[in-house]
Structure formats: structure tokens, C-alpha cells
Amino acid sequence: MKVILKADIKGVGKRDEVINASDGYARNFLFPKNLAVEANKENMAKLKAKQESAKYQKNQEKEEAMKIADKLSKILLKIKVKAGENGKIFGGVSSKDIAQELATQYHIEVDKKKMDLKETIKTLGVHNIEIKLFEGVIGKLRIDVISE
């Protein structure tokens, strides 16, 4: 019997996957626990519509990420920090600081966890960082750390 899974089941399959299950397993375990539905025409049509909707939404998110990546490539973000005479920064510039400055100066919201910053920036000057906006979409941002 073909069934559509409603949840991930270890060793059986993932959510929204159509699998072939034995009649007894489907009727005695999957259906009573509401883990699956029968793969009839109506349920298959619902599944197809759901998958198309998810695909459309994913494409929209990717387009939005590409627009943000394009904006980021044109930006030189200036961050003012307190520094000593030799160009060393007191503390450092973290991904949290970069995300806050990006939001206040350019109104672009970026999650600090998506920034590819190995360690905090501790020197003055221009630094390049990458921001993972979406799978396959990476934005490049230039940051100019200047002394106050």
C-alpha cells in the first residue's frame, strides 16, 4: 500500500515522502498514530501543491538573498572604534557589531551567525568578510574599521 508520511520516521522515510508500506503496518501503526495518510488522488494532489508552494517560496527567498548580496557588494561599511596609537583596537569588532552597524547605517538585516568571521577584527583598515545569505548565495562585504 502506498502512503504519504506526515512525519519523519527513522528507518522508514522522511516527511511528505511517498513510500510503499505493508497493509498491516499502515493500518495498524501508521494510520492510528496519524503518522501517514493513504496515497490516493486527493492526498497526492495536496502533496504536489504543497511541494510546489515550498519550491516557489524557496525561489523567492533565493531571489531576495541575491538582491541583498548585490547591495552588500556595493557597500563599504564604516565602523568607528577606540584604538591605540599603533593601530590596535581596544576589544575588537565582532560579527554582532557588524550586524548592528549594517542594520543602523543601511537598514539591511543579516543574522550574525551567517557571517564568516573566524575571529574578531583587531586592527584598523579595510577587511573583507563573507556572509552566507542562502544556500549557494554568498554576499561579500567590505568593512572599514576607523579610529574615533
N, C-alpha and C. Protein backbone atom coordinates (compact mmCIF):
# COMPACT_ATOMS: atom_id res chain seq x y z
N MET A 1 0.85 -1.18 0.00
CA MET A 1 0.00 0.00 0.00
C MET A 1 0.90 1.25 0.00
N LYS A 2 0.58 2.18 -0.87
CA LYS A 2 1.34 3.43 -0.92
C LYS A 2 0.75 4.41 0.08
N VAL A 3 1.67 5.03 0.88
CA VAL A 3 1.24 6.01 1.87
C VAL A 3 2.14 7.24 1.78
N ILE A 4 1.60 8.37 2.26
CA ILE A 4 2.36 9.62 2.33
C ILE A 4 2.65 9.86 3.81
N LEU A 5 3.91 9.97 4.15
CA LEU A 5 4.30 10.16 5.55
C LEU A 5 4.02 11.59 5.99
N LYS A 6 3.50 11.73 7.22
CA LYS A 6 3.22 13.04 7.80
C LYS A 6 4.34 13.50 8.72
N ALA A 7 5.24 12.58 9.06
CA ALA A 7 6.36 12.90 9.96
C ALA A 7 7.56 12.06 9.58
N ASP A 8 8.74 12.47 10.05
CA ASP A 8 9.95 11.68 9.84
C ASP A 8 9.87 10.44 10.72
N ILE A 9 10.10 9.27 10.12
CA ILE A 9 10.10 8.02 10.86
C ILE A 9 11.42 7.34 10.57
N LYS A 10 12.19 7.13 11.63
CA LYS A 10 13.52 6.54 11.48
C LYS A 10 13.42 5.16 10.85
N GLY A 11 14.20 4.94 9.82
CA GLY A 11 14.23 3.66 9.15
C GLY A 11 13.13 3.46 8.12
N VAL A 12 12.20 4.41 8.04
CA VAL A 12 11.08 4.28 7.10
C VAL A 12 11.16 5.36 6.02
N GLY A 13 11.22 6.63 6.45
CA GLY A 13 11.29 7.72 5.47
C GLY A 13 11.10 9.07 6.12
N LYS A 14 11.16 10.08 5.30
CA LYS A 14 11.04 11.46 5.77
C LYS A 14 9.63 11.99 5.51
N ARG A 15 9.33 13.12 6.13
CA ARG A 15 8.03 13.76 5.98
C ARG A 15 7.74 14.08 4.51
N ASP A 16 6.49 13.95 4.10
CA ASP A 16 6.00 14.22 2.74
C ASP A 16 6.61 13.30 1.70
N GLU A 17 7.11 12.17 2.10
CA GLU A 17 7.67 11.19 1.18
C GLU A 17 6.62 10.11 0.93
N VAL A 18 6.52 9.66 -0.32
CA VAL A 18 5.60 8.57 -0.66
C VAL A 18 6.39 7.27 -0.58
N ILE A 19 5.89 6.37 0.27
CA ILE A 19 6.57 5.09 0.43
C ILE A 19 5.60 3.94 0.21
N ASN A 20 6.14 2.76 0.03
CA ASN A 20 5.37 1.53 -0.07
C ASN A 20 5.45 0.83 1.27
N ALA A 21 4.34 0.76 2.00
CA ALA A 21 4.32 0.10 3.30
C ALA A 21 3.39 -1.10 3.23
N SER A 22 3.64 -2.09 4.05
CA SER A 22 2.75 -3.26 4.07
C SER A 22 1.39 -2.82 4.62
N ASP A 23 0.35 -3.53 4.20
CA ASP A 23 -1.01 -3.16 4.60
C ASP A 23 -1.17 -3.15 6.12
N GLY A 24 -0.66 -4.17 6.77
CA GLY A 24 -0.79 -4.27 8.23
C GLY A 24 -0.08 -3.14 8.94
N TYR A 25 1.14 -2.83 8.53
CA TYR A 25 1.92 -1.75 9.13
C TYR A 25 1.20 -0.42 8.97
N ALA A 26 0.66 -0.20 7.79
CA ALA A 26 -0.05 1.06 7.53
C ALA A 26 -1.32 1.15 8.36
N ARG A 27 -2.16 0.11 8.35
CA ARG A 27 -3.46 0.16 9.05
C ARG A 27 -3.34 0.07 10.56
N ASN A 28 -2.37 -0.67 11.05
CA ASN A 28 -2.26 -0.90 12.50
C ASN A 28 -1.32 0.06 13.22
N PHE A 29 -0.40 0.69 12.49
CA PHE A 29 0.57 1.57 13.16
C PHE A 29 0.54 3.00 12.61
N LEU A 30 0.74 3.15 11.30
CA LEU A 30 0.88 4.50 10.72
C LEU A 30 -0.42 5.31 10.79
N PHE A 31 -1.53 4.71 10.37
CA PHE A 31 -2.79 5.46 10.35
C PHE A 31 -3.30 5.79 11.75
N PRO A 32 -3.34 4.82 12.70
CA PRO A 32 -3.84 5.16 14.05
C PRO A 32 -3.01 6.22 14.77
N LYS A 33 -1.70 6.23 14.55
CA LYS A 33 -0.84 7.22 15.21
C LYS A 33 -0.75 8.51 14.41
N ASN A 34 -1.51 8.60 13.32
CA ASN A 34 -1.56 9.79 12.46
C ASN A 34 -0.17 10.15 11.92
N LEU A 35 0.60 9.12 11.56
CA LEU A 35 1.93 9.32 11.00
C LEU A 35 1.92 9.31 9.47
N ALA A 36 0.81 8.85 8.89
CA ALA A 36 0.73 8.76 7.43
C ALA A 36 -0.72 8.81 6.98
N VAL A 37 -0.90 9.11 5.69
CA VAL A 37 -2.22 9.04 5.05
C VAL A 37 -2.09 8.21 3.79
N GLU A 38 -3.21 7.67 3.36
CA GLU A 38 -3.18 6.86 2.14
C GLU A 38 -2.87 7.74 0.94
N ALA A 39 -2.10 7.20 -0.01
CA ALA A 39 -1.68 7.97 -1.18
C ALA A 39 -2.72 7.86 -2.29
N ASN A 40 -3.92 8.42 -2.04
CA ASN A 40 -4.95 8.43 -3.08
C ASN A 40 -4.82 9.70 -3.92
N LYS A 41 -5.70 9.88 -4.90
CA LYS A 41 -5.58 11.03 -5.80
C LYS A 41 -5.64 12.37 -5.06
N GLU A 42 -6.59 12.48 -4.14
CA GLU A 42 -6.78 13.73 -3.41
C GLU A 42 -5.54 14.09 -2.57
N ASN A 43 -5.03 13.12 -1.84
CA ASN A 43 -3.86 13.38 -1.00
C ASN A 43 -2.60 13.63 -1.84
N MET A 44 -2.48 12.95 -2.97
CA MET A 44 -1.34 13.19 -3.86
C MET A 44 -1.39 14.60 -4.44
N ALA A 45 -2.60 15.08 -4.77
CA ALA A 45 -2.76 16.44 -5.30
C ALA A 45 -2.38 17.47 -4.23
N LYS A 46 -2.78 17.21 -2.98
CA LYS A 46 -2.42 18.11 -1.88
C LYS A 46 -0.90 18.14 -1.69
N LEU A 47 -0.27 16.97 -1.76
CA LEU A 47 1.18 16.88 -1.59
C LEU A 47 1.90 17.64 -2.70
N LYS A 48 1.41 17.47 -3.94
CA LYS A 48 2.04 18.16 -5.08
C LYS A 48 1.90 19.67 -4.93
N ALA A 49 0.73 20.14 -4.51
CA ALA A 49 0.51 21.58 -4.32
C ALA A 49 1.42 22.11 -3.21
N LYS A 50 1.57 21.34 -2.15
CA LYS A 50 2.42 21.74 -1.03
C LYS A 50 3.88 21.83 -1.47
N GLN A 51 4.33 20.86 -2.28
CA GLN A 51 5.71 20.86 -2.75
C GLN A 51 5.97 22.03 -3.70
N GLU A 52 5.00 22.33 -4.57
CA GLU A 52 5.15 23.46 -5.50
C GLU A 52 5.19 24.78 -4.73
N SER A 53 4.36 24.89 -3.69
CA SER A 53 4.34 26.10 -2.87
C SER A 53 5.68 26.28 -2.17
N ALA A 54 6.23 25.19 -1.63
CA ALA A 54 7.53 25.26 -0.94
C ALA A 54 8.64 25.65 -1.93
N LYS A 55 8.57 25.10 -3.14
CA LYS A 55 9.57 25.41 -4.16
C LYS A 55 9.49 26.89 -4.55
N TYR A 56 8.28 27.40 -4.74
CA TYR A 56 8.08 28.80 -5.08
C TYR A 56 8.63 29.71 -3.98
N GLN A 57 8.31 29.37 -2.72
CA GLN A 57 8.78 30.18 -1.60
C GLN A 57 10.31 30.15 -1.51
N LYS A 58 10.91 29.00 -1.77
CA LYS A 58 12.36 28.88 -1.73
C LYS A 58 12.99 29.75 -2.83
N ASN A 59 12.38 29.77 -4.02
CA ASN A 59 12.88 30.61 -5.11
C ASN A 59 12.78 32.09 -4.74
N GLN A 60 11.68 32.48 -4.08
CA GLN A 60 11.51 33.87 -3.67
C GLN A 60 12.59 34.27 -2.66
N GLU A 61 12.86 33.37 -1.70
CA GLU A 61 13.89 33.65 -0.70
C GLU A 61 15.26 33.76 -1.35
N LYS A 62 15.52 32.92 -2.35
CA LYS A 62 16.81 32.96 -3.03
C LYS A 62 16.97 34.27 -3.80
N GLU A 63 15.90 34.72 -4.47
CA GLU A 63 15.95 35.99 -5.20
C GLU A 63 16.22 37.14 -4.23
N GLU A 64 15.55 37.12 -3.08
CA GLU A 64 15.75 38.16 -2.07
C GLU A 64 17.20 38.15 -1.58
N ALA A 65 17.75 36.97 -1.35
CA ALA A 65 19.13 36.83 -0.89
C ALA A 65 20.10 37.37 -1.95
N MET A 66 19.80 37.12 -3.22
CA MET A 66 20.66 37.62 -4.31
C MET A 66 20.63 39.15 -4.37
N LYS A 67 19.46 39.74 -4.12
CA LYS A 67 19.36 41.21 -4.09
C LYS A 67 20.19 41.79 -2.95
N ILE A 68 20.10 41.14 -1.79
CA ILE A 68 20.88 41.60 -0.63
C ILE A 68 22.37 41.44 -0.91
N ALA A 69 22.76 40.33 -1.53
CA ALA A 69 24.18 40.11 -1.86
C ALA A 69 24.68 41.19 -2.81
N ASP A 70 23.85 41.59 -3.76
CA ASP A 70 24.22 42.66 -4.70
C ASP A 70 24.41 43.98 -3.95
N LYS A 71 23.49 44.28 -3.01
CA LYS A 71 23.62 45.51 -2.22
C LYS A 71 24.90 45.48 -1.38
N LEU A 72 25.17 44.32 -0.76
CA LEU A 72 26.34 44.21 0.12
C LEU A 72 27.65 44.42 -0.65
N SER A 73 27.69 43.97 -1.90
CA SER A 73 28.92 44.09 -2.67
C SER A 73 29.26 45.55 -2.97
N LYS A 74 28.27 46.44 -2.92
CA LYS A 74 28.49 47.85 -3.23
C LYS A 74 28.73 48.70 -1.97
N ILE A 75 28.70 48.07 -0.81
CA ILE A 75 28.79 48.81 0.45
C ILE A 75 30.21 48.76 1.02
N LEU A 76 30.64 49.89 1.56
CA LEU A 76 31.85 49.95 2.37
C LEU A 76 31.37 50.40 3.75
N LEU A 77 31.20 49.45 4.65
CA LEU A 77 30.66 49.71 5.98
C LEU A 77 31.75 50.31 6.87
N LYS A 78 31.48 51.50 7.41
CA LYS A 78 32.47 52.17 8.27
C LYS A 78 32.06 51.93 9.72
N ILE A 79 33.03 51.40 10.49
CA ILE A 79 32.80 51.17 11.90
C ILE A 79 33.85 51.94 12.69
N LYS A 80 33.38 52.82 13.59
CA LYS A 80 34.29 53.62 14.40
C LYS A 80 34.54 52.90 15.72
N VAL A 81 35.82 52.79 16.08
CA VAL A 81 36.21 52.12 17.33
C VAL A 81 37.31 52.92 18.02
N LYS A 82 37.48 52.66 19.30
CA LYS A 82 38.58 53.28 20.02
C LYS A 82 39.84 52.45 19.76
N ALA A 83 40.91 53.15 19.42
CA ALA A 83 42.16 52.46 19.08
C ALA A 83 43.35 53.17 19.70
N GLY A 84 44.42 52.41 19.88
CA GLY A 84 45.66 52.97 20.40
C GLY A 84 46.45 53.63 19.28
N GLU A 85 47.62 54.14 19.63
CA GLU A 85 48.44 54.85 18.65
C GLU A 85 49.00 53.93 17.57
N ASN A 86 49.23 52.69 17.88
CA ASN A 86 49.83 51.77 16.90
C ASN A 86 48.79 51.07 16.02
N GLY A 87 47.53 51.46 16.08
CA GLY A 87 46.50 50.88 15.23
C GLY A 87 45.82 49.67 15.82
N LYS A 88 46.12 49.34 17.06
CA LYS A 88 45.46 48.22 17.74
C LYS A 88 44.14 48.70 18.32
N ILE A 89 43.13 47.86 18.18
CA ILE A 89 41.80 48.21 18.68
C ILE A 89 41.64 47.71 20.11
N PHE A 90 40.99 48.54 20.94
CA PHE A 90 40.66 48.10 22.29
C PHE A 90 39.43 47.20 22.18
N GLY A 91 39.58 45.92 22.47
CA GLY A 91 38.48 44.97 22.32
C GLY A 91 38.56 44.35 20.95
N GLY A 92 37.61 44.66 20.11
CA GLY A 92 37.59 44.12 18.75
C GLY A 92 36.23 44.33 18.13
N VAL A 93 36.14 44.08 16.83
CA VAL A 93 34.87 44.19 16.10
C VAL A 93 34.38 42.78 15.84
N SER A 94 33.22 42.44 16.42
CA SER A 94 32.67 41.10 16.27
C SER A 94 31.57 41.09 15.21
N SER A 95 31.07 39.91 14.91
CA SER A 95 30.00 39.79 13.92
C SER A 95 28.73 40.47 14.43
N LYS A 96 28.54 40.50 15.74
CA LYS A 96 27.38 41.19 16.32
C LYS A 96 27.47 42.69 16.03
N ASP A 97 28.66 43.27 16.20
CA ASP A 97 28.86 44.70 15.92
C ASP A 97 28.60 45.01 14.45
N ILE A 98 29.09 44.13 13.58
CA ILE A 98 28.91 44.32 12.13
C ILE A 98 27.43 44.27 11.78
N ALA A 99 26.70 43.31 12.34
CA ALA A 99 25.26 43.18 12.06
C ALA A 99 24.50 44.41 12.54
N GLN A 100 24.86 44.93 13.71
CA GLN A 100 24.19 46.13 14.24
C GLN A 100 24.46 47.35 13.36
N GLU A 101 25.72 47.53 12.96
CA GLU A 101 26.07 48.68 12.13
C GLU A 101 25.41 48.60 10.75
N LEU A 102 25.32 47.40 10.21
CA LEU A 102 24.68 47.19 8.91
C LEU A 102 23.20 47.55 9.00
N ALA A 103 22.59 47.19 10.11
CA ALA A 103 21.16 47.49 10.30
C ALA A 103 20.93 49.00 10.51
N THR A 104 21.80 49.65 11.27
CA THR A 104 21.58 51.07 11.53
C THR A 104 21.96 51.95 10.36
N GLN A 105 23.06 51.64 9.67
CA GLN A 105 23.52 52.51 8.59
C GLN A 105 22.77 52.25 7.27
N TYR A 106 22.49 51.00 6.95
CA TYR A 106 21.93 50.67 5.63
C TYR A 106 20.58 49.97 5.69
N HIS A 107 20.05 49.73 6.87
CA HIS A 107 18.75 49.06 7.06
C HIS A 107 18.71 47.68 6.41
N ILE A 108 19.81 46.95 6.52
CA ILE A 108 19.88 45.58 5.99
C ILE A 108 20.04 44.64 7.19
N GLU A 109 19.06 43.76 7.37
CA GLU A 109 19.09 42.83 8.49
C GLU A 109 19.81 41.54 8.06
N VAL A 110 20.89 41.21 8.77
CA VAL A 110 21.66 39.99 8.48
C VAL A 110 21.93 39.30 9.81
N ASP A 111 21.73 37.99 9.84
CA ASP A 111 21.98 37.21 11.05
C ASP A 111 23.48 37.14 11.31
N LYS A 112 23.90 37.44 12.53
CA LYS A 112 25.32 37.45 12.86
C LYS A 112 25.95 36.07 12.74
N LYS A 113 25.15 35.02 12.88
CA LYS A 113 25.67 33.65 12.80
C LYS A 113 26.05 33.26 11.37
N LYS A 114 25.53 33.99 10.39
CA LYS A 114 25.81 33.67 9.00
C LYS A 114 27.07 34.34 8.47
N MET A 115 27.69 35.16 9.30
CA MET A 115 28.92 35.85 8.88
C MET A 115 30.11 34.92 9.05
N ASP A 116 30.95 34.88 8.04
CA ASP A 116 32.13 34.02 8.06
C ASP A 116 33.30 34.81 8.62
N LEU A 117 33.26 35.03 9.93
CA LEU A 117 34.29 35.80 10.62
C LEU A 117 34.99 34.84 11.57
N LYS A 118 36.21 34.45 11.22
CA LYS A 118 36.94 33.45 12.02
C LYS A 118 37.18 33.95 13.44
N GLU A 119 37.63 35.20 13.56
CA GLU A 119 37.88 35.80 14.86
C GLU A 119 37.55 37.28 14.77
N THR A 120 37.43 37.94 15.91
CA THR A 120 37.10 39.36 15.90
C THR A 120 38.20 40.17 15.21
N ILE A 121 37.80 41.26 14.58
CA ILE A 121 38.75 42.12 13.88
C ILE A 121 39.45 42.99 14.92
N LYS A 122 40.78 42.97 14.93
CA LYS A 122 41.53 43.67 15.98
C LYS A 122 42.48 44.73 15.43
N THR A 123 42.39 45.02 14.12
CA THR A 123 43.25 46.04 13.54
C THR A 123 42.42 47.02 12.72
N LEU A 124 42.95 48.22 12.57
CA LEU A 124 42.28 49.23 11.74
C LEU A 124 42.50 48.90 10.27
N GLY A 125 41.66 49.44 9.41
CA GLY A 125 41.81 49.25 7.98
C GLY A 125 40.61 48.57 7.36
N VAL A 126 40.75 48.21 6.08
CA VAL A 126 39.66 47.59 5.34
C VAL A 126 39.78 46.07 5.43
N HIS A 127 38.67 45.43 5.77
CA HIS A 127 38.61 43.97 5.88
C HIS A 127 37.47 43.47 5.02
N ASN A 128 37.64 42.29 4.41
CA ASN A 128 36.59 41.66 3.61
C ASN A 128 36.04 40.46 4.37
N ILE A 129 34.70 40.37 4.44
CA ILE A 129 34.09 39.19 5.04
C ILE A 129 33.01 38.65 4.11
N GLU A 130 32.69 37.39 4.29
CA GLU A 130 31.63 36.76 3.50
C GLU A 130 30.46 36.47 4.42
N ILE A 131 29.25 36.64 3.87
CA ILE A 131 28.03 36.38 4.61
C ILE A 131 27.22 35.36 3.83
N LYS A 132 26.91 34.24 4.46
CA LYS A 132 26.11 33.19 3.81
C LYS A 132 24.64 33.56 3.95
N LEU A 133 24.06 34.08 2.87
CA LEU A 133 22.69 34.57 2.91
C LEU A 133 21.67 33.45 2.66
N PHE A 134 22.02 32.51 1.80
CA PHE A 134 21.12 31.42 1.42
C PHE A 134 22.01 30.33 0.85
N GLU A 135 21.51 29.13 0.71
CA GLU A 135 22.35 28.07 0.16
C GLU A 135 22.76 28.42 -1.26
N GLY A 136 24.05 28.55 -1.46
CA GLY A 136 24.58 28.90 -2.77
C GLY A 136 24.70 30.40 -3.01
N VAL A 137 24.23 31.24 -2.08
CA VAL A 137 24.30 32.69 -2.24
C VAL A 137 25.17 33.25 -1.11
N ILE A 138 26.32 33.79 -1.50
CA ILE A 138 27.25 34.36 -0.52
C ILE A 138 27.48 35.82 -0.86
N GLY A 139 27.24 36.69 0.13
CA GLY A 139 27.45 38.12 -0.06
C GLY A 139 28.83 38.51 0.46
N LYS A 140 29.48 39.40 -0.26
CA LYS A 140 30.79 39.88 0.16
C LYS A 140 30.65 41.32 0.65
N LEU A 141 31.16 41.56 1.86
CA LEU A 141 31.03 42.88 2.47
C LEU A 141 32.41 43.41 2.84
N ARG A 142 32.65 44.68 2.50
CA ARG A 142 33.91 45.34 2.87
C ARG A 142 33.63 46.19 4.10
N ILE A 143 34.52 46.07 5.08
CA ILE A 143 34.36 46.82 6.32
C ILE A 143 35.59 47.69 6.52
N ASP A 144 35.36 48.97 6.77
CA ASP A 144 36.47 49.89 7.03
C ASP A 144 36.42 50.22 8.53
N VAL A 145 37.38 49.72 9.27
CA VAL A 145 37.48 49.96 10.70
C VAL A 145 38.34 51.21 10.89
N ILE A 146 37.73 52.27 11.44
CA ILE A 146 38.45 53.53 11.62
C ILE A 146 38.46 53.93 13.07
N SER A 147 39.46 54.73 13.44
CA SER A 147 39.60 55.21 14.81
C SER A 147 38.70 56.41 15.05
N GLU A 148 38.17 56.51 16.26
CA GLU A 148 37.29 57.65 16.59
C GLU A 148 38.06 58.94 16.72
